[in-house]
Protein backbone atom coordinates (compact mmCIF):
# COMPACT_ATOMS: atom_id res chain seq x y z
CA MET A 1 -27.60 -11.82 33.10
CA ALA A 2 -25.31 -12.37 36.05
CA ALA A 3 -21.59 -12.16 35.45
CA THR A 4 -19.71 -15.47 35.43
CA VAL A 5 -17.90 -16.14 38.71
CA LEU A 6 -14.33 -17.21 38.04
CA PHE A 7 -13.51 -18.18 41.62
CA SER A 8 -14.97 -20.98 43.66
CA SER A 9 -16.47 -19.17 46.66
CA GLN A 10 -16.68 -15.98 48.69
CA ASP A 11 -14.71 -17.77 51.41
CA ASN A 12 -11.77 -18.11 49.09
CA LEU A 13 -12.09 -14.47 48.09
CA ALA A 14 -12.16 -13.42 51.74
CA SER A 15 -9.19 -15.58 52.61
CA GLY A 16 -7.18 -14.32 49.66
CA GLN A 17 -6.86 -17.81 48.17
CA LEU A 18 -7.94 -17.73 44.53
CA THR A 19 -8.97 -20.92 42.76
CA ASN A 20 -8.62 -21.67 39.08
CA PRO A 21 -12.04 -23.12 38.03
CA PHE A 22 -10.42 -25.20 35.28
CA SER A 23 -7.88 -27.07 37.43
CA ASN A 24 -9.27 -27.29 41.00
CA MET A 25 -5.96 -25.85 42.19
CA SER A 26 -5.44 -22.63 44.02
CA LEU A 27 -3.53 -20.01 42.11
CA ASP A 28 -1.09 -19.82 45.01
CA SER A 29 -0.30 -23.53 44.70
CA GLN A 30 0.07 -23.16 40.95
CA ARG A 31 2.37 -20.22 41.45
CA THR A 32 4.48 -22.26 43.87
CA SER A 33 4.60 -25.09 41.36
CA GLN A 34 5.61 -22.74 38.59
CA ASP A 35 8.42 -21.31 40.71
CA ARG A 36 10.02 -24.77 40.69
CA LEU A 37 9.98 -25.01 36.89
CA VAL A 38 13.08 -24.35 34.88
CA ARG A 39 12.59 -21.33 32.63
CA LEU A 40 11.69 -22.46 29.12
CA ARG A 41 13.98 -21.43 26.31
CA SER A 42 12.37 -19.42 23.53
CA PRO A 43 12.43 -20.90 20.03
CA PRO A 44 15.27 -19.60 17.83
CA CYS A 45 14.94 -16.61 15.53
CA TYR A 46 15.37 -17.18 11.81
CA ARG A 47 16.97 -15.02 9.16
CA CYS A 48 14.36 -12.77 7.58
CA ILE A 49 14.47 -12.30 3.81
CA PHE A 50 13.44 -8.66 4.34
CA ARG A 51 16.41 -7.89 6.62
CA ASP A 52 20.21 -7.97 6.37
CA PRO A 53 21.89 -11.31 7.21
CA ASP A 54 22.97 -11.84 10.81
CA SER A 55 26.26 -13.24 12.05
CA GLU A 56 27.37 -16.82 11.35
CA ALA A 57 27.27 -17.60 15.06
CA THR A 58 23.62 -16.64 15.25
CA GLN A 59 22.82 -18.61 12.11
CA ALA A 60 24.53 -21.66 13.57
CA ASP A 61 22.31 -21.43 16.65
CA TRP A 62 19.20 -21.40 14.44
CA ASN A 63 19.94 -24.96 13.31
CA ALA A 64 20.82 -26.27 16.77
CA ARG A 65 18.69 -29.22 17.90
CA ARG A 66 16.37 -28.33 20.76
CA ASP A 67 14.94 -30.66 23.33
CA ALA A 68 11.15 -31.08 23.21
CA ALA A 69 10.97 -30.05 26.86
CA ALA A 70 12.11 -26.59 25.80
CA TYR A 71 8.80 -25.99 24.06
CA PRO A 72 5.45 -25.26 25.72
CA ALA A 73 2.37 -27.42 25.17
CA SER A 74 0.71 -27.42 21.76
CA ARG A 75 -0.63 -23.97 20.97
CA MET A 76 -3.10 -25.49 18.55
CA ARG A 77 -4.71 -27.48 21.36
CA LEU A 78 -4.44 -24.80 24.03
CA ASP A 79 -5.66 -21.81 22.02
CA PHE A 80 -8.01 -23.30 19.44
CA LYS A 81 -10.96 -25.64 19.16
CA GLU A 82 -10.86 -27.69 15.97
CA LEU A 83 -14.16 -27.52 14.06
CA GLY A 84 -13.35 -29.49 10.93
CA LEU A 85 -11.11 -29.90 7.90
CA LEU A 86 -11.31 -27.17 5.24
CA GLY A 87 -8.90 -28.68 2.74
CA GLN A 88 -5.68 -30.54 2.12
CA GLY A 89 -2.76 -30.23 -0.27
CA SER A 90 0.52 -32.03 -0.77
CA PHE A 91 2.24 -29.97 1.93
CA SER A 92 -0.41 -29.16 4.53
CA ARG A 93 -3.91 -29.57 5.89
CA VAL A 94 -6.12 -26.56 6.60
CA PHE A 95 -8.42 -26.77 9.62
CA ARG A 96 -11.38 -24.65 10.57
CA VAL A 97 -10.73 -23.56 14.16
CA ARG A 98 -12.25 -21.24 16.75
CA HIS A 99 -10.06 -19.27 19.12
CA ARG A 100 -10.93 -20.26 22.69
CA LEU A 101 -10.54 -16.70 23.98
CA ASP A 102 -11.90 -14.32 21.34
CA GLY A 103 -14.39 -16.76 19.78
CA ARG A 104 -13.39 -15.87 16.23
CA GLU A 105 -13.03 -18.54 13.54
CA TYR A 106 -9.81 -18.90 11.56
CA ALA A 107 -8.20 -21.18 9.00
CA LEU A 108 -5.19 -22.94 10.53
CA LYS A 109 -2.73 -24.49 8.10
CA ARG A 110 -0.57 -27.30 9.52
CA SER A 111 2.21 -29.16 7.73
CA ILE A 112 1.33 -32.80 7.11
CA ARG A 113 4.85 -34.10 7.68
CA GLU A 114 7.32 -33.19 10.38
CA LEU A 115 9.94 -30.85 8.98
CA SER A 116 13.64 -30.51 9.58
CA PRO A 117 14.71 -26.86 10.07
CA SER A 118 17.35 -27.44 7.39
CA SER A 119 14.92 -28.88 4.80
CA PRO A 120 13.73 -27.06 1.64
CA ALA A 121 10.13 -27.45 2.83
CA TYR A 122 10.95 -25.56 6.04
CA ALA A 123 12.70 -22.83 4.06
CA GLN A 124 9.57 -22.56 1.91
CA PHE A 125 7.42 -22.22 5.04
CA LEU A 126 9.66 -19.42 6.36
CA GLN A 127 9.58 -17.58 3.05
CA GLU A 128 5.78 -17.83 2.92
CA VAL A 129 5.15 -16.46 6.41
CA GLN A 130 7.76 -13.71 6.12
CA ILE A 131 6.20 -12.47 2.90
CA LEU A 132 2.73 -12.61 4.46
CA ALA A 133 3.94 -10.73 7.52
CA HIS A 134 5.77 -7.96 5.65
CA VAL A 135 3.22 -7.25 2.92
CA PRO A 136 0.57 -4.83 4.27
CA PRO A 137 -3.00 -6.20 4.50
CA HIS A 138 -5.22 -5.86 1.45
CA SER A 139 -8.93 -6.50 0.94
CA CYS A 140 -8.20 -8.92 -1.92
CA VAL A 141 -5.60 -10.99 -0.04
CA VAL A 142 -6.45 -13.64 2.56
CA GLY A 143 -5.55 -12.16 5.96
CA TYR A 144 -2.52 -13.38 7.91
CA HIS A 145 -2.66 -13.67 11.72
CA GLY A 146 0.59 -15.37 12.70
CA ALA A 147 2.75 -18.49 12.47
CA TRP A 148 4.65 -20.84 14.76
CA VAL A 149 6.25 -24.29 14.95
CA GLU A 150 5.80 -27.16 17.40
CA PRO A 151 8.03 -30.21 17.95
CA GLY A 152 6.87 -33.42 16.33
CA PRO A 153 6.07 -36.48 18.45
CA SER A 154 8.57 -38.76 16.70
CA ASP A 155 11.72 -36.63 16.87
CA PRO A 156 12.33 -33.46 18.94
CA GLY A 157 14.56 -32.20 16.13
CA LEU A 158 11.60 -32.12 13.72
CA VAL A 159 8.67 -29.71 13.85
CA HIS A 160 5.18 -29.15 12.50
CA ALA A 161 4.67 -25.71 10.93
CA TYR A 162 1.49 -23.69 11.52
CA VAL A 163 0.08 -20.62 9.74
CA LEU A 164 -3.02 -18.85 11.10
CA LEU A 165 -5.11 -17.25 8.36
CA GLU A 166 -8.43 -15.56 7.73
CA ARG A 167 -11.18 -18.13 7.20
CA CYS A 168 -12.98 -17.93 3.87
CA GLU A 169 -15.61 -20.01 2.14
CA VAL A 170 -14.69 -22.69 -0.42
CA SER A 171 -12.17 -22.02 -3.14
CA LEU A 172 -13.28 -21.53 -6.73
CA GLY A 173 -11.48 -24.77 -7.60
CA THR A 174 -13.71 -26.66 -5.18
CA HIS A 175 -16.77 -24.88 -6.54
CA LEU A 176 -15.80 -25.85 -10.08
CA ALA A 177 -15.26 -29.49 -9.09
CA LEU A 178 -18.59 -29.74 -7.27
CA SER A 179 -20.82 -27.89 -9.70
CA ALA A 180 -19.04 -28.18 -13.07
CA GLU A 181 -20.62 -24.83 -13.96
CA ARG A 182 -19.14 -21.97 -15.90
CA LEU A 183 -19.00 -18.71 -14.00
CA ALA A 184 -21.23 -15.94 -15.34
CA ALA A 185 -19.56 -12.94 -16.95
CA ALA A 186 -20.20 -10.75 -13.88
CA ASP A 187 -18.49 -13.32 -11.66
CA LEU A 188 -15.55 -13.59 -14.05
CA VAL A 189 -15.12 -9.82 -13.84
CA ALA A 190 -15.29 -9.96 -10.03
CA VAL A 191 -12.57 -12.64 -9.98
CA LEU A 192 -10.44 -10.62 -12.40
CA ARG A 193 -10.85 -7.46 -10.30
CA ALA A 194 -9.89 -9.26 -7.09
CA LEU A 195 -6.88 -11.05 -8.58
CA CYS A 196 -5.52 -7.91 -10.21
CA GLY A 197 -6.14 -5.89 -7.06
CA ALA A 198 -4.17 -8.43 -5.04
CA LEU A 199 -1.36 -8.75 -7.60
CA ALA A 200 -1.02 -4.99 -8.11
CA HIS A 201 -0.59 -4.73 -4.32
CA LEU A 202 2.03 -7.52 -4.30
CA HIS A 203 3.92 -6.46 -7.42
CA ALA A 204 4.25 -2.90 -6.12
CA ARG A 205 6.19 -4.41 -3.20
CA GLY A 206 8.41 -6.73 -5.23
CA VAL A 207 6.49 -9.95 -4.53
CA ALA A 208 5.33 -12.45 -7.15
CA HIS A 209 2.66 -14.99 -6.15
CA LEU A 210 3.58 -17.68 -8.74
CA ASP A 211 0.66 -19.97 -7.94
CA VAL A 212 -2.47 -18.15 -9.11
CA LYS A 213 -5.19 -20.71 -9.87
CA PRO A 214 -8.84 -21.39 -8.95
CA ASP A 215 -7.80 -23.53 -5.97
CA ASN A 216 -6.10 -20.47 -4.46
CA VAL A 217 -8.97 -18.02 -5.05
CA TYR A 218 -11.36 -18.02 -2.10
CA VAL A 219 -14.87 -16.70 -1.59
CA ARG A 220 -14.97 -14.12 1.19
CA LEU A 221 -16.79 -15.25 4.31
CA GLY A 222 -20.35 -13.95 4.13
CA ALA A 223 -20.26 -13.38 0.38
CA GLY A 224 -22.14 -16.60 -0.32
CA GLY A 225 -21.29 -19.13 -2.96
CA ARG A 226 -20.88 -16.58 -5.74
CA GLY A 227 -19.40 -13.14 -5.93
CA GLY A 228 -21.52 -10.95 -8.13
CA GLY A 229 -19.43 -8.39 -9.95
CA ALA A 230 -21.55 -5.34 -9.12
CA GLU A 231 -22.14 -5.95 -5.41
CA PRO A 232 -21.10 -3.07 -3.14
CA GLY A 233 -18.84 -3.62 -0.17
CA PRO A 234 -15.66 -5.69 0.20
CA PRO A 235 -14.48 -7.76 -2.78
CA PRO A 236 -16.16 -11.18 -2.85
CA TYR A 237 -12.95 -13.02 -3.77
CA LYS A 238 -9.50 -13.19 -2.17
CA LEU A 239 -6.14 -14.54 -3.29
CA GLY A 240 -4.50 -16.96 -0.86
CA ASP A 241 -1.80 -19.63 -0.45
CA PHE A 242 1.58 -17.91 -0.68
CA GLY A 243 3.58 -21.14 -0.54
CA GLN A 244 5.26 -20.42 -3.89
CA ALA A 245 5.57 -16.64 -3.49
CA ALA A 246 8.98 -15.06 -4.07
CA LEU A 247 10.69 -11.71 -3.96
CA TYR A 248 12.01 -10.34 -7.23
CA GLU A 249 14.46 -7.63 -8.19
CA ALA A 250 13.85 -4.42 -10.14
CA GLY A 251 12.55 -5.31 -13.57
CA GLY A 252 10.84 -8.47 -12.37
CA ALA A 253 13.80 -10.86 -12.30
CA ALA A 254 14.52 -13.25 -9.45
CA PRO A 255 17.34 -15.68 -8.64
CA ARG A 256 16.61 -19.31 -9.49
CA GLN A 257 16.84 -20.53 -5.89
CA ALA A 258 14.04 -18.15 -4.86
CA VAL A 259 11.50 -19.52 -7.37
CA ARG A 260 9.47 -22.71 -7.08
CA GLU A 261 7.22 -23.67 -9.92
CA GLY A 262 3.52 -23.71 -9.21
CA ASP A 263 0.80 -25.81 -10.84
CA SER A 264 1.84 -26.67 -14.41
CA ARG A 265 -1.68 -26.06 -15.76
CA TYR A 266 -1.32 -22.32 -15.11
CA LEU A 267 2.41 -21.98 -15.71
CA ALA A 268 3.59 -19.32 -18.16
CA PRO A 269 5.59 -20.65 -21.14
CA GLU A 270 8.73 -18.71 -20.22
CA LEU A 271 8.87 -20.39 -16.80
CA LEU A 272 8.96 -23.76 -18.56
CA ASN A 273 12.24 -22.56 -20.10
CA ALA A 274 13.59 -21.25 -16.76
CA ASP A 275 13.24 -17.65 -17.96
CA LEU A 276 12.78 -15.68 -14.73
CA ARG A 277 13.24 -12.17 -16.09
CA ASP A 278 9.62 -11.05 -15.61
CA LEU A 279 7.82 -12.81 -12.77
CA PRO A 280 4.92 -10.32 -12.62
CA ALA A 281 4.11 -11.19 -16.25
CA ALA A 282 4.11 -14.88 -15.29
CA ASP A 283 1.51 -14.08 -12.63
CA MET A 284 -0.63 -12.36 -15.26
CA PHE A 285 -0.51 -15.42 -17.53
CA ALA A 286 -1.84 -17.46 -14.60
CA VAL A 287 -4.66 -14.92 -14.14
CA GLY A 288 -5.66 -15.43 -17.76
CA ALA A 289 -5.47 -19.21 -17.41
CA THR A 290 -7.61 -19.06 -14.27
CA LEU A 291 -10.28 -17.00 -16.02
CA LEU A 292 -10.19 -19.34 -19.02
CA GLU A 293 -10.79 -22.38 -16.81
CA LEU A 294 -13.65 -20.68 -14.96
CA ALA A 295 -15.20 -19.60 -18.27
CA LEU A 296 -14.94 -23.12 -19.71
CA GLY A 297 -16.21 -24.84 -16.57
CA GLU A 298 -13.55 -27.57 -16.74
CA GLU A 299 -9.93 -28.03 -15.74
CA LEU A 300 -7.18 -26.95 -18.10
CA PRO A 301 -4.92 -29.68 -19.52
CA ALA A 302 -1.67 -30.53 -17.74
CA GLY A 303 0.05 -31.72 -20.93
CA GLY A 304 -0.41 -32.78 -24.52
CA ALA A 305 -1.38 -30.89 -27.66
CA ALA A 306 -4.00 -28.70 -25.98
CA TYR A 307 -1.48 -27.70 -23.30
CA ALA A 308 1.01 -26.64 -25.97
CA ALA A 309 -1.70 -24.81 -27.94
CA LEU A 310 -2.56 -22.59 -24.97
CA ARG A 311 1.09 -21.56 -24.63
CA GLN A 312 1.26 -20.75 -28.32
CA GLY A 313 -1.63 -18.31 -28.03
CA ARG A 314 -4.25 -20.64 -29.53
CA LEU A 315 -7.16 -20.48 -27.09
CA PRO A 316 -10.61 -22.04 -27.41
CA LEU A 317 -13.47 -19.76 -28.36
CA LEU A 318 -15.64 -18.51 -25.50
CA PRO A 319 -19.14 -17.96 -26.91
CA ALA A 320 -20.66 -17.13 -23.51
CA VAL A 321 -18.08 -14.45 -22.68
CA PRO A 322 -18.37 -10.82 -23.87
CA VAL A 323 -15.87 -10.01 -26.61
CA PRO A 324 -13.89 -7.37 -24.62
CA LEU A 325 -13.37 -9.79 -21.73
CA SER A 326 -12.47 -12.63 -24.09
CA ARG A 327 -9.89 -10.44 -25.80
CA LEU A 328 -8.44 -9.46 -22.44
CA ILE A 329 -8.06 -13.13 -21.47
CA ARG A 330 -6.19 -13.73 -24.73
CA GLN A 331 -3.87 -10.80 -24.01
CA LEU A 332 -3.17 -12.12 -20.53
CA MET A 333 -2.20 -15.50 -22.00
CA SER A 334 -0.01 -14.10 -24.75
CA PRO A 335 3.13 -16.20 -25.38
CA ASP A 336 5.22 -13.03 -25.16
CA PRO A 337 5.41 -11.66 -21.59
CA LYS A 338 5.79 -8.13 -22.94
CA ASP A 339 2.34 -8.31 -24.54
CA ARG A 340 0.57 -9.10 -21.26
CA PRO A 341 -0.95 -6.14 -19.42
CA SER A 342 0.15 -5.51 -15.84
CA ALA A 343 -2.23 -5.98 -12.93
CA ALA A 344 -2.44 -2.21 -12.42
CA ARG A 345 -3.28 -1.71 -16.09
CA VAL A 346 -6.02 -4.35 -16.04
CA LEU A 347 -7.68 -2.51 -13.16
CA THR A 348 -8.24 0.43 -15.53
CA HIS A 349 -9.66 -1.74 -18.32
CA PRO A 350 -13.32 -1.02 -19.24
CA CYS A 351 -14.24 -4.62 -18.36
CA VAL A 352 -13.14 -3.99 -14.78
CA THR A 353 -14.18 -0.37 -14.33
CA GLY A 354 -17.69 -1.04 -15.60
CA GLN A 355 -17.55 1.34 -18.53
CA PRO A 356 -19.94 0.52 -21.38
CA THR A 357 -18.62 -2.15 -23.74
CA PRO A 358 -20.15 -3.93 -26.73
CA GLU A 359 -22.46 -6.73 -25.64
CA ARG A 360 -21.95 -8.96 -28.66
CA GLN A 361 -20.52 -12.39 -27.99
CA GLU A 362 -17.63 -14.26 -29.54
CA SER A 363 -18.86 -16.70 -32.15
CA ALA A 364 -17.08 -19.51 -33.93
CA PRO A 365 -16.88 -19.75 -37.72
CA ALA A 366 -19.16 -22.31 -39.31
CA PRO A 367 -17.12 -24.62 -41.55
CA ALA A 368 -18.66 -27.78 -42.93
CA LYS A 369 -16.79 -29.91 -40.40
CA PRO A 370 -15.65 -27.96 -37.34
CA PRO A 371 -12.26 -29.12 -36.08
CA ARG A 372 -12.16 -30.78 -32.67
CA ALA A 373 -9.69 -29.76 -30.02
CA SER A 374 -7.59 -32.53 -28.51
CA GLY A 375 -6.94 -32.51 -24.78
CA GLY A 376 -10.37 -32.42 -23.19
CA TYR A 377 -12.03 -29.23 -24.43
CA GLY A 378 -15.19 -30.92 -25.62
CA GLY A 379 -14.72 -29.98 -29.27
CA LEU A 380 -14.32 -26.23 -28.77
CA VAL A 381 -12.65 -24.45 -31.67
CA PHE A 382 -9.22 -22.96 -31.11
CA GLN A 383 -8.37 -19.51 -32.36
CA LYS A 384 -4.98 -17.87 -32.55
CA THR A 385 -4.53 -14.74 -30.46
CA THR A 386 -4.46 -11.48 -32.40
CA HIS A 387 -3.45 -8.08 -31.09
């Protein structure tokens, strides 16, 4: 195959005049035109939560309004070809894009609304990308490839925020909504292994995710629609969406202003009472709630009696789940944070390591009239957690 010719003719090559095939302009004329342009100012630098604070003068410049002419053209349009919409939340839309130069596909998250650099939403964006950038890559965490902002069309003082991420298949939340199927035990174990691998990596670096749920667990590209717990190779599932992630101090505590509550359906009971002394344990409660939802095949309640029952340690029976895994889910959702195993400890559990465990299933007692659970559990019997 002949190499692609990037210049218009041999005459131009001989004359030394090079032509850009995409603009019908000679590179010399473009260079002359560029020489007349005023040098563009770089966007400001922002205080990094991983570094010491800078001077007040520098901080004041961060919030200075910048004219739209000081920014280059949209990087999203210049560097990427939009291939479709992958998903949408309350804060952002996620697009499937292909890089125009390297040909690789990515997930590009873009804020729905224009943001003020002084707004809480912008501070949340900065915290998310700084955590993603400073935590080393891990096979169970959705890969991070960069972030930037672009001025909005309505006001040069407002910006759209962009985060470039590894593209994965659908989330487990989407899979659950489309199929309404319970995950098999092997898939539950694969999800548990991936989540605990990701959280052990984060917790060892003082980062709590605080929004673990099926919507934020993604199927690795090429792994197909299901994981398969015993498949060799990279983990089939990855933890993503660090919009609520926060740093915490030694012992697991974090200041109130650094914590934003995630989805209430997976929220640990202590967070409902503003108890922030052990954020890693709150993540582990959300892992248990995620596994419970995937095992049931339906969404957990967002309120009511069933919601309260889960936070009191009264979980529905799981007849299709092996007893050791069911017991582990109950431990993860213990009302007392001290009773929940850490992510590193779960990774050594026989359910995760593949060591032989009893194959008997959890079965409900058989009273004359089985009690029904309120709150949308389809009549499943609740059982108090025992240790």
